[in-house]
PDB file of N, CA and C in Angstrom:
ATOM      1  N   MET A   1      46.683  29.493   5.224  1.00  0.00           N
ATOM      2  CA  MET A   1      46.226  28.895   6.463  1.00  0.00           C
ATOM      3  C   MET A   1      47.415  28.761   7.413  1.00  0.00           C
ATOM      4  N   ALA A   2      47.205  29.108   8.660  1.00  0.00           N
ATOM      5  CA  ALA A   2      48.271  29.024   9.656  1.00  0.00           C
ATOM      6  C   ALA A   2      48.565  27.571   9.998  1.00  0.00           C
ATOM      7  N   ASP A   3      49.829  27.307  10.315  1.00  0.00           N
ATOM      8  CA  ASP A   3      50.204  25.961  10.734  1.00  0.00           C
ATOM      9  C   ASP A   3      49.625  25.683  12.109  1.00  0.00           C
ATOM     10  N   PHE A   4      49.263  24.454  12.321  1.00  0.00           N
ATOM     11  CA  PHE A   4      48.833  24.049  13.648  1.00  0.00           C
ATOM     12  C   PHE A   4      49.439  22.696  13.950  1.00  0.00           C
ATOM     13  N   LYS A   5      49.550  22.413  15.235  1.00  0.00           N
ATOM     14  CA  LYS A   5      50.178  21.175  15.677  1.00  0.00           C
ATOM     15  C   LYS A   5      49.175  20.369  16.480  1.00  0.00           C
ATOM     16  N   TRP A   6      49.337  19.066  16.429  1.00  0.00           N
ATOM     17  CA  TRP A   6      48.498  18.187  17.217  1.00  0.00           C
ATOM     18  C   TRP A   6      49.343  17.046  17.736  1.00  0.00           C
ATOM     19  N   GLU A   7      48.895  16.512  18.839  1.00  0.00           N
ATOM     20  CA  GLU A   7      49.545  15.331  19.409  1.00  0.00           C
ATOM     21  C   GLU A   7      48.460  14.441  19.978  1.00  0.00           C
ATOM     22  N   ILE A   8      48.426  13.200  19.516  1.00  0.00           N
ATOM     23  CA  ILE A   8      47.502  12.241  20.104  1.00  0.00           C
ATOM     24  C   ILE A   8      48.137  11.789  21.412  1.00  0.00           C
ATOM     25  N   VAL A   9      47.582  12.267  22.509  1.00  0.00           N
ATOM     26  CA  VAL A   9      48.121  11.997  23.840  1.00  0.00           C
ATOM     27  C   VAL A   9      47.744  10.597  24.303  1.00  0.00           C
ATOM     28  N   GLU A  10      46.513  10.178  23.944  1.00  0.00           N
ATOM     29  CA  GLU A  10      46.044   8.843  24.321  1.00  0.00           C
ATOM     30  C   GLU A  10      45.108   8.328  23.234  1.00  0.00           C
ATOM     31  N   SER A  11      45.377   7.140  22.744  1.00  0.00           N
ATOM     32  CA  SER A  11      44.478   6.480  21.797  1.00  0.00           C
ATOM     33  C   SER A  11      43.493   5.643  22.597  1.00  0.00           C
ATOM     34  N   ILE A  12      42.229   6.052  22.557  1.00  0.00           N
ATOM     35  CA  ILE A  12      41.207   5.334  23.331  1.00  0.00           C
ATOM     36  C   ILE A  12      40.664   4.156  22.538  1.00  0.00           C
ATOM     37  N   GLY A  13      40.425   4.364  21.228  1.00  0.00           N
ATOM     38  CA  GLY A  13      39.962   3.240  20.427  1.00  0.00           C
ATOM     39  C   GLY A  13      39.559   3.636  19.024  1.00  0.00           C
ATOM     40  N   VAL A  14      39.498   2.622  18.156  1.00  0.00           N
ATOM     41  CA  VAL A  14      39.062   2.798  16.773  1.00  0.00           C
ATOM     42  C   VAL A  14      37.581   2.438  16.706  1.00  0.00           C
ATOM     43  N   ILE A  15      36.790   3.329  16.117  1.00  0.00           N
ATOM     44  CA  ILE A  15      35.355   3.108  15.979  1.00  0.00           C
ATOM     45  C   ILE A  15      35.062   2.328  14.703  1.00  0.00           C
ATOM     46  N   SER A  16      35.726   2.704  13.606  1.00  0.00           N
ATOM     47  CA  SER A  16      35.524   2.008  12.330  1.00  0.00           C
ATOM     48  C   SER A  16      36.696   2.299  11.402  1.00  0.00           C
ATOM     49  N   GLU A  17      36.756   1.534  10.310  1.00  0.00           N
ATOM     50  CA  GLU A  17      37.782   1.748   9.281  1.00  0.00           C
ATOM     51  C   GLU A  17      37.111   1.680   7.919  1.00  0.00           C
ATOM     52  N   ASN A  18      37.459   2.625   7.029  1.00  0.00           N
ATOM     53  CA  ASN A  18      36.871   2.595   5.682  1.00  0.00           C
ATOM     54  C   ASN A  18      37.786   1.818   4.735  1.00  0.00           C
ATOM     55  N   PRO A  19      37.311   1.505   3.524  1.00  0.00           N
ATOM     56  CA  PRO A  19      38.109   0.704   2.586  1.00  0.00           C
ATOM     57  C   PRO A  19      39.462   1.323   2.209  1.00  0.00           C
ATOM     58  N   LYS A  20      39.607   2.641   2.356  1.00  0.00           N
ATOM     59  CA  LYS A  20      40.879   3.288   2.017  1.00  0.00           C
ATOM     60  C   LYS A  20      41.864   3.287   3.184  1.00  0.00           C
ATOM     61  N   GLY A  21      41.473   2.695   4.304  1.00  0.00           N
ATOM     62  CA  GLY A  21      42.368   2.583   5.447  1.00  0.00           C
ATOM     63  C   GLY A  21      42.243   3.692   6.478  1.00  0.00           C
ATOM     64  N   TRP A  22      41.398   4.699   6.207  1.00  0.00           N
ATOM     65  CA  TRP A  22      41.185   5.753   7.192  1.00  0.00           C
ATOM     66  C   TRP A  22      40.376   5.184   8.354  1.00  0.00           C
ATOM     67  N   THR A  23      40.730   5.585   9.577  1.00  0.00           N
ATOM     68  CA  THR A  23      40.033   5.080  10.750  1.00  0.00           C
ATOM     69  C   THR A  23      39.349   6.222  11.490  1.00  0.00           C
ATOM     70  N   LYS A  24      38.115   5.960  11.920  1.00  0.00           N
ATOM     71  CA  LYS A  24      37.410   6.891  12.790  1.00  0.00           C
ATOM     72  C   LYS A  24      37.806   6.509  14.204  1.00  0.00           C
ATOM     73  N   GLU A  25      38.410   7.472  14.916  1.00  0.00           N
ATOM     74  CA  GLU A  25      39.018   7.156  16.208  1.00  0.00           C
ATOM     75  C   GLU A  25      38.494   8.066  17.318  1.00  0.00           C
ATOM     76  N   PHE A  26      38.533   7.518  18.513  1.00  0.00           N
ATOM     77  CA  PHE A  26      38.221   8.262  19.735  1.00  0.00           C
ATOM     78  C   PHE A  26      39.536   8.381  20.497  1.00  0.00           C
ATOM     79  N   ASN A  27      40.052   9.615  20.623  1.00  0.00           N
ATOM     80  CA  ASN A  27      41.369   9.852  21.212  1.00  0.00           C
ATOM     81  C   ASN A  27      41.337  11.048  22.153  1.00  0.00           C
ATOM     82  N   MET A  28      42.408  11.204  22.890  1.00  0.00           N
ATOM     83  CA  MET A  28      42.700  12.445  23.609  1.00  0.00           C
ATOM     84  C   MET A  28      43.754  13.163  22.773  1.00  0.00           C
ATOM     85  N   VAL A  29      43.427  14.387  22.315  1.00  0.00           N
ATOM     86  CA  VAL A  29      44.312  15.112  21.413  1.00  0.00           C
ATOM     87  C   VAL A  29      44.616  16.489  21.980  1.00  0.00           C
ATOM     88  N   SER A  30      45.890  16.860  21.931  1.00  0.00           N
ATOM     89  CA  SER A  30      46.328  18.213  22.286  1.00  0.00           C
ATOM     90  C   SER A  30      46.498  19.003  20.997  1.00  0.00           C
ATOM     91  N   TRP A  31      45.823  20.132  20.900  1.00  0.00           N
ATOM     92  CA  TRP A  31      45.903  20.998  19.728  1.00  0.00           C
ATOM     93  C   TRP A  31      46.720  22.228  20.072  1.00  0.00           C
ATOM     94  N   ASN A  32      47.796  22.462  19.323  1.00  0.00           N
ATOM     95  CA  ASN A  32      48.663  23.628  19.509  1.00  0.00           C
ATOM     96  C   ASN A  32      49.175  23.757  20.940  1.00  0.00           C
ATOM     97  N   GLY A  33      49.520  22.634  21.547  1.00  0.00           N
ATOM     98  CA  GLY A  33      50.120  22.642  22.875  1.00  0.00           C
ATOM     99  C   GLY A  33      49.152  22.864  24.016  1.00  0.00           C
ATOM    100  N   ARG A  34      47.875  22.944  23.717  1.00  0.00           N
ATOM    101  CA  ARG A  34      46.870  23.136  24.777  1.00  0.00           C
ATOM    102  C   ARG A  34      46.581  21.805  25.466  1.00  0.00           C
ATOM    103  N   ASP A  35      45.810  21.897  26.573  1.00  0.00           N
ATOM    104  CA  ASP A  35      45.406  20.682  27.274  1.00  0.00           C
ATOM    105  C   ASP A  35      44.649  19.771  26.319  1.00  0.00           C
ATOM    106  N   ALA A  36      44.869  18.475  26.461  1.00  0.00           N
ATOM    107  CA  ALA A  36      44.211  17.501  25.589  1.00  0.00           C
ATOM    108  C   ALA A  36      42.714  17.477  25.854  1.00  0.00           C
ATOM    109  N   LYS A  37      41.957  17.242  24.774  1.00  0.00           N
ATOM    110  CA  LYS A  37      40.506  17.094  24.857  1.00  0.00           C
ATOM    111  C   LYS A  37      40.125  15.780  24.196  1.00  0.00           C
ATOM    112  N   TYR A  38      38.945  15.292  24.547  1.00  0.00           N
ATOM    113  CA  TYR A  38      38.412  14.111  23.879  1.00  0.00           C
ATOM    114  C   TYR A  38      38.092  14.493  22.440  1.00  0.00           C
ATOM    115  N   ASP A  39      38.369  13.592  21.507  1.00  0.00           N
ATOM    116  CA  ASP A  39      38.288  13.933  20.097  1.00  0.00           C
ATOM    117  C   ASP A  39      37.809  12.728  19.288  1.00  0.00           C
ATOM    118  N   ILE A  40      36.860  12.975  18.381  1.00  0.00           N
ATOM    119  CA  ILE A  40      36.397  11.950  17.450  1.00  0.00           C
ATOM    120  C   ILE A  40      36.544  12.509  16.045  1.00  0.00           C
ATOM    121  N   ARG A  41      37.316  11.801  15.203  1.00  0.00           N
ATOM    122  CA  ARG A  41      37.510  12.198  13.809  1.00  0.00           C
ATOM    123  C   ARG A  41      38.148  11.044  13.044  1.00  0.00           C
ATOM    124  N   GLU A  42      38.192  11.169  11.717  1.00  0.00           N
ATOM    125  CA  GLU A  42      38.861  10.181  10.880  1.00  0.00           C
ATOM    126  C   GLU A  42      40.306  10.600  10.661  1.00  0.00           C
ATOM    127  N   TRP A  43      41.179   9.595  10.666  1.00  0.00           N
ATOM    128  CA  TRP A  43      42.614   9.800  10.468  1.00  0.00           C
ATOM    129  C   TRP A  43      43.105   8.938   9.325  1.00  0.00           C
ATOM    130  N   SER A  44      44.054   9.481   8.566  1.00  0.00           N
ATOM    131  CA  SER A  44      44.710   8.682   7.530  1.00  0.00           C
ATOM    132  C   SER A  44      45.550   7.603   8.214  1.00  0.00           C
ATOM    133  N   PRO A  45      45.939   6.562   7.472  1.00  0.00           N
ATOM    134  CA  PRO A  45      46.714   5.481   8.089  1.00  0.00           C
ATOM    135  C   PRO A  45      47.996   5.945   8.782  1.00  0.00           C
ATOM    136  N   ASP A  46      48.637   7.009   8.273  1.00  0.00           N
ATOM    137  CA  ASP A  46      49.878   7.496   8.893  1.00  0.00           C
ATOM    138  C   ASP A  46      49.640   8.590   9.937  1.00  0.00           C
ATOM    139  N   HIS A  47      48.390   8.941  10.175  1.00  0.00           N
ATOM    140  CA  HIS A  47      48.005   9.987  11.135  1.00  0.00           C
ATOM    141  C   HIS A  47      48.595  11.356  10.796  1.00  0.00           C
ATOM    142  N   GLU A  48      48.924  11.576   9.538  1.00  0.00           N
ATOM    143  CA  GLU A  48      49.425  12.883   9.093  1.00  0.00           C
ATOM    144  C   GLU A  48      48.303  13.770   8.564  1.00  0.00           C
ATOM    145  N   THR A  49      47.170  13.191   8.221  1.00  0.00           N
ATOM    146  CA  THR A  49      46.022  13.924   7.695  1.00  0.00           C
ATOM    147  C   THR A  49      44.786  13.479   8.449  1.00  0.00           C
ATOM    148  N   MET A  50      43.897  14.452   8.706  1.00  0.00           N
ATOM    149  CA  MET A  50      42.681  14.113   9.419  1.00  0.00           C
ATOM    150  C   MET A  50      41.503  14.841   8.802  1.00  0.00           C
ATOM    151  N   SER A  51      40.315  14.345   9.100  1.00  0.00           N
ATOM    152  CA  SER A  51      39.093  14.994   8.658  1.00  0.00           C
ATOM    153  C   SER A  51      38.664  16.007   9.725  1.00  0.00           C
ATOM    154  N   LYS A  52      37.615  16.748   9.403  1.00  0.00           N
ATOM    155  CA  LYS A  52      37.015  17.575  10.447  1.00  0.00           C
ATOM    156  C   LYS A  52      36.453  16.625  11.489  1.00  0.00           C
ATOM    157  N   GLY A  53      36.438  17.077  12.715  1.00  0.00           N
ATOM    158  CA  GLY A  53      35.966  16.204  13.776  1.00  0.00           C
ATOM    159  C   GLY A  53      35.290  16.987  14.876  1.00  0.00           C
ATOM    160  N   LEU A  54      35.094  16.308  15.976  1.00  0.00           N
ATOM    161  CA  LEU A  54      34.455  16.892  17.148  1.00  0.00           C
ATOM    162  C   LEU A  54      35.388  16.761  18.343  1.00  0.00           C
ATOM    163  N   THR A  55      35.510  17.844  19.109  1.00  0.00           N
ATOM    164  CA  THR A  55      36.279  17.787  20.353  1.00  0.00           C
ATOM    165  C   THR A  55      35.343  18.066  21.521  1.00  0.00           C
ATOM    166  N   PHE A  56      35.648  17.448  22.649  1.00  0.00           N
ATOM    167  CA  PHE A  56      34.797  17.548  23.825  1.00  0.00           C
ATOM    168  C   PHE A  56      35.633  17.784  25.072  1.00  0.00           C
ATOM    169  N   THR A  57      35.141  18.630  25.962  1.00  0.00           N
ATOM    170  CA  THR A  57      35.732  18.763  27.285  1.00  0.00           C
ATOM    171  C   THR A  57      35.301  17.557  28.121  1.00  0.00           C
ATOM    172  N   LYS A  58      35.843  17.418  29.306  1.00  0.00           N
ATOM    173  CA  LYS A  58      35.452  16.317  30.187  1.00  0.00           C
ATOM    174  C   LYS A  58      33.964  16.394  30.501  1.00  0.00           C
ATOM    175  N   ASP A  59      33.456  17.588  30.819  1.00  0.00           N
ATOM    176  CA  ASP A  59      32.036  17.740  31.137  1.00  0.00           C
ATOM    177  C   ASP A  59      31.152  17.381  29.939  1.00  0.00           C
ATOM    178  N   GLU A  60      31.580  17.761  28.741  1.00  0.00           N
ATOM    179  CA  GLU A  60      30.805  17.451  27.539  1.00  0.00           C
ATOM    180  C   GLU A  60      30.783  15.952  27.258  1.00  0.00           C
ATOM    181  N   ILE A  61      31.915  15.277  27.449  1.00  0.00           N
ATOM    182  CA  ILE A  61      31.959  13.840  27.176  1.00  0.00           C
ATOM    183  C   ILE A  61      31.140  13.085  28.218  1.00  0.00           C
ATOM    184  N   LEU A  62      31.096  13.580  29.450  1.00  0.00           N
ATOM    185  CA  LEU A  62      30.246  12.956  30.473  1.00  0.00           C
ATOM    186  C   LEU A  62      28.772  13.118  30.120  1.00  0.00           C
ATOM    187  N   ALA A  63      28.389  14.289  29.608  1.00  0.00           N
ATOM    188  CA  ALA A  63      27.007  14.513  29.183  1.00  0.00           C
ATOM    189  C   ALA A  63      26.667  13.605  28.000  1.00  0.00           C
ATOM    190  N   LEU A  64      27.588  13.461  27.057  1.00  0.00           N
ATOM    191  CA  LEU A  64      27.373  12.574  25.915  1.00  0.00           C
ATOM    192  C   LEU A  64      27.240  11.129  26.378  1.00  0.00           C
ATOM    193  N   LYS A  65      28.063  10.733  27.327  1.00  0.00           N
ATOM    194  CA  LYS A  65      27.993   9.372  27.871  1.00  0.00           C
ATOM    195  C   LYS A  65      26.619   9.114  28.465  1.00  0.00           C
ATOM    196  N   ASP A  66      26.091  10.063  29.238  1.00  0.00           N
ATOM    197  CA  ASP A  66      24.755   9.913  29.814  1.00  0.00           C
ATOM    198  C   ASP A  66      23.691   9.785  28.728  1.00  0.00           C
ATOM    199  N   LEU A  67      23.794  10.611  27.691  1.00  0.00           N
ATOM    200  CA  LEU A  67      22.836  10.538  26.593  1.00  0.00           C
ATOM    201  C   LEU A  67      22.880   9.172  25.912  1.00  0.00           C
ATOM    202  N   LEU A  68      24.093   8.678  25.646  1.00  0.00           N
ATOM    203  CA  LEU A  68      24.240   7.375  24.994  1.00  0.00           C
ATOM    204  C   LEU A  68      23.749   6.237  25.877  1.00  0.00           C
ATOM    205  N   ASN A  69      24.017   6.324  27.168  1.00  0.00           N
ATOM    206  CA  ASN A  69      23.566   5.274  28.094  1.00  0.00           C
ATOM    207  C   ASN A  69      22.048   5.202  28.155  1.00  0.00           C
ATOM    208  N   ASN A  70      21.373   6.320  27.940  1.00  0.00           N
ATOM    209  CA  ASN A  70      19.913   6.358  28.007  1.00  0.00           C
ATOM    210  C   ASN A  70      19.251   6.139  26.655  1.00  0.00           C
ATOM    211  N   LEU A  71      20.032   5.948  25.624  1.00  0.00           N
ATOM    212  CA  LEU A  71      19.508   5.751  24.275  1.00  0.00           C
ATOM    213  C   LEU A  71      19.005   4.318  24.120  1.00  0.00           C
ATOM    214  N   ASP A  72      17.785   4.166  23.623  1.00  0.00           N
ATOM    215  CA  ASP A  72      17.209   2.846  23.427  1.00  0.00           C
ATOM    216  C   ASP A  72      17.480   2.390  22.002  1.00  0.00           C
ATOM    217  N   ILE A  73      18.522   1.579  21.831  1.00  0.00           N
ATOM    218  CA  ILE A  73      18.914   1.076  20.512  1.00  0.00           C
ATOM    219  C   ILE A  73      18.636  -0.419  20.461  1.00  0.00           C
ATOM    220  N   GLU A  74      17.953  -0.821  19.417  1.00  0.00           N
ATOM    221  CA  GLU A  74      17.685  -2.258  19.268  1.00  0.00           C
ATOM    222  C   GLU A  74      18.190  -2.759  17.949  1.00  0.00           C
TER     223      GLU A  74
END
């Protein structure tokens, strides 16, 4: 597997934490020196290991925001 680099450019917030200390986070992440994208995934406590996650462009995160705002949760 080829090496890849990441940089958490902005930590937006922690969504949850599991008993092993891994946190599901919403961040702005730059992958391999590219422009940062919105990102949701789990990170180890030292941020050296991560799970598979989801990345979003600005337009995608705005569409997701609209969907969530219109969601009827009780």
